[in-house]
Amino acid sequence: MDFNNKLYELRKQKGLSQEELANRLNVSRQTISKWEVGDSTPDMEKLVAISDLFGISLDELVLNKAPEAETAHEAPVQTAGAEMYHDIKKHVLTEGNKKKAKKGLKIAAIAAGVILLIDIISFAVYVAINGFPK
């Protein structure tokens, strides 16, 4: 089954309209329609969001591979720290948040520079009026 058919089937199984799926993925309904008819395909970020929404792996979604059954001795053991890191990376360290953080740091640096410049100018004016403090 191709991706477009898989997406259609998953959406129908979940009882979602194209509009509802579009809202959850922050895209237009027309975008969902194009994905489902095969006119276009989503970018990686949207593919990850779709696989998370439907609770399937990217392999299942894109390559139509069946999930591999894990036995107890083969299953990787994840610590709480690893799970927390994965959740933070997935939900907090998004590209949008990284850009916002960089912008915030730039604004903070500019504000600190302006404050320092005001202090230097104030000191220079004080020295010009009153002389160097003793």
Protein backbone atom coordinates (compact mmCIF):
# COMPACT_ATOMS: atom_id res chain seq x y z
CA MET A 1 0.00 0.00 0.00
CA ASP A 2 1.36 3.40 -0.97
CA PHE A 3 1.70 6.24 1.52
CA ASN A 4 -1.30 8.13 0.15
CA ASN A 5 -3.59 5.10 0.59
CA LYS A 6 -2.11 4.35 4.01
CA LEU A 7 -2.81 7.91 5.16
CA TYR A 8 -6.39 7.72 3.88
CA GLU A 9 -6.99 4.39 5.64
CA LEU A 10 -5.46 5.59 8.92
CA ARG A 11 -7.51 8.78 8.85
CA LYS A 12 -10.73 6.85 8.20
CA GLN A 13 -9.93 4.29 10.93
CA LYS A 14 -9.46 7.12 13.42
CA GLY A 15 -12.72 8.73 12.24
CA LEU A 16 -11.09 12.01 11.25
CA SER A 17 -12.13 14.28 8.42
CA GLN A 18 -9.48 15.85 6.22
CA GLU A 19 -10.19 19.14 7.98
CA GLU A 20 -9.70 17.63 11.46
CA LEU A 21 -6.44 15.95 10.44
CA ALA A 22 -5.27 19.19 8.83
CA ASN A 23 -5.93 21.10 12.06
CA ARG A 24 -3.98 18.57 14.12
CA LEU A 25 -1.01 18.80 11.74
CA ASN A 26 -1.22 22.58 11.23
CA VAL A 27 -1.68 22.30 7.48
CA SER A 28 -4.58 23.10 5.16
CA ARG A 29 -7.30 20.64 4.22
CA GLN A 30 -6.12 20.93 0.62
CA THR A 31 -2.67 19.72 1.71
CA ILE A 32 -4.21 16.59 3.23
CA SER A 33 -6.17 16.04 0.03
CA LYS A 34 -2.99 16.33 -2.08
CA TRP A 35 -1.22 13.83 0.18
CA GLU A 36 -4.11 11.38 -0.08
CA VAL A 37 -4.39 11.53 -3.87
CA GLY A 38 -0.61 11.30 -4.25
CA ASP A 39 -0.03 14.75 -5.75
CA SER A 40 2.49 15.58 -3.01
CA THR A 41 4.07 14.09 0.09
CA PRO A 42 4.67 15.59 3.54
CA ASP A 43 8.07 16.70 4.76
CA MET A 44 9.90 14.73 7.45
CA GLU A 45 8.51 16.82 10.33
CA LYS A 46 4.96 16.13 9.19
CA LEU A 47 5.69 12.43 8.64
CA VAL A 48 6.89 12.16 12.24
CA ALA A 49 3.80 14.01 13.45
CA ILE A 50 1.54 11.69 11.42
CA SER A 51 3.25 8.55 12.75
CA ASP A 52 2.92 9.87 16.32
CA LEU A 53 -0.73 10.79 15.80
CA PHE A 54 -1.65 7.34 14.53
CA GLY A 55 0.72 5.49 16.85
CA ILE A 56 2.71 3.72 14.17
CA SER A 57 6.38 3.71 13.18
CA LEU A 58 7.71 5.65 10.22
CA ASP A 59 8.53 2.30 8.59
CA GLU A 60 4.89 1.28 8.85
CA LEU A 61 3.69 4.65 7.56
CA VAL A 62 6.10 5.21 4.69
CA LEU A 63 7.41 1.77 3.76
CA ASN A 64 4.31 -0.21 4.78
CA LYS A 65 6.49 -2.56 6.85
CA ALA A 66 4.76 -4.53 9.54
CA PRO A 67 5.99 -3.86 13.07
CA GLU A 68 8.56 -6.37 14.23
CA ALA A 69 7.61 -8.33 17.32
CA GLU A 70 10.13 -7.86 20.10
CA THR A 71 10.84 -10.60 22.52
CA ALA A 72 11.72 -9.86 26.12
CA HIS A 73 15.43 -10.54 25.67
CA GLU A 74 15.64 -8.52 22.46
CA ALA A 75 13.73 -5.44 23.62
CA PRO A 76 16.00 -2.53 24.46
CA VAL A 77 15.78 -1.36 28.03
CA GLN A 78 15.19 2.37 28.24
CA THR A 79 15.94 4.16 31.43
CA ALA A 80 13.72 6.94 32.73
CA GLY A 81 16.46 9.40 31.78
CA ALA A 82 16.55 8.18 28.18
CA GLU A 83 12.77 8.42 27.91
CA MET A 84 12.82 11.91 29.37
CA TYR A 85 15.57 12.98 26.95
CA HIS A 86 13.58 11.57 24.03
CA ASP A 87 10.43 13.44 25.15
CA ILE A 88 12.34 16.69 25.64
CA LYS A 89 14.06 16.38 22.29
CA LYS A 90 10.80 15.58 20.55
CA HIS A 91 8.56 18.21 22.14
CA VAL A 92 10.83 20.98 23.39
CA LEU A 93 13.92 21.07 21.20
CA THR A 94 12.02 21.70 17.99
CA GLU A 95 13.52 23.87 15.27
CA GLY A 96 10.99 26.59 16.03
CA ASN A 97 11.93 26.65 19.70
CA LYS A 98 15.64 26.70 18.85
CA LYS A 99 15.09 29.73 16.62
CA LYS A 100 13.09 31.46 19.37
CA ALA A 101 15.86 30.76 21.90
CA LYS A 102 18.52 32.21 19.58
CA LYS A 103 16.38 35.28 18.99
CA GLY A 104 15.88 35.69 22.75
CA LEU A 105 19.63 35.44 23.37
CA LYS A 106 20.30 38.08 20.71
CA ILE A 107 17.77 40.43 22.29
CA ALA A 108 19.27 39.85 25.76
CA ALA A 109 22.78 40.54 24.43
CA ILE A 110 21.63 43.75 22.76
CA ALA A 111 19.86 44.87 25.96
CA ALA A 112 22.99 44.14 28.04
CA GLY A 113 25.09 46.08 25.54
CA VAL A 114 22.76 49.08 25.66
CA ILE A 115 22.81 49.07 29.48
CA LEU A 116 26.62 48.89 29.49
CA LEU A 117 26.83 51.73 26.96
CA ILE A 118 24.49 53.87 29.08
CA ASP A 119 26.69 53.18 32.15
CA ILE A 120 29.84 54.19 30.24
CA ILE A 121 28.23 57.39 28.94
CA SER A 122 26.88 58.24 32.40
CA PHE A 123 30.32 57.75 33.95
CA ALA A 124 31.94 59.91 31.24
CA VAL A 125 29.40 62.69 31.84
CA TYR A 126 29.94 62.45 35.62
CA VAL A 127 33.72 62.69 35.17
CA ALA A 128 33.33 65.65 32.79
CA ILE A 129 31.15 67.53 35.29
CA ASN A 130 32.66 66.55 38.66
CA GLY A 131 36.12 65.32 37.80
CA PHE A 132 37.49 61.84 38.42
CA PRO A 133 36.24 60.41 41.75
CA LYS A 134 38.85 60.07 44.52
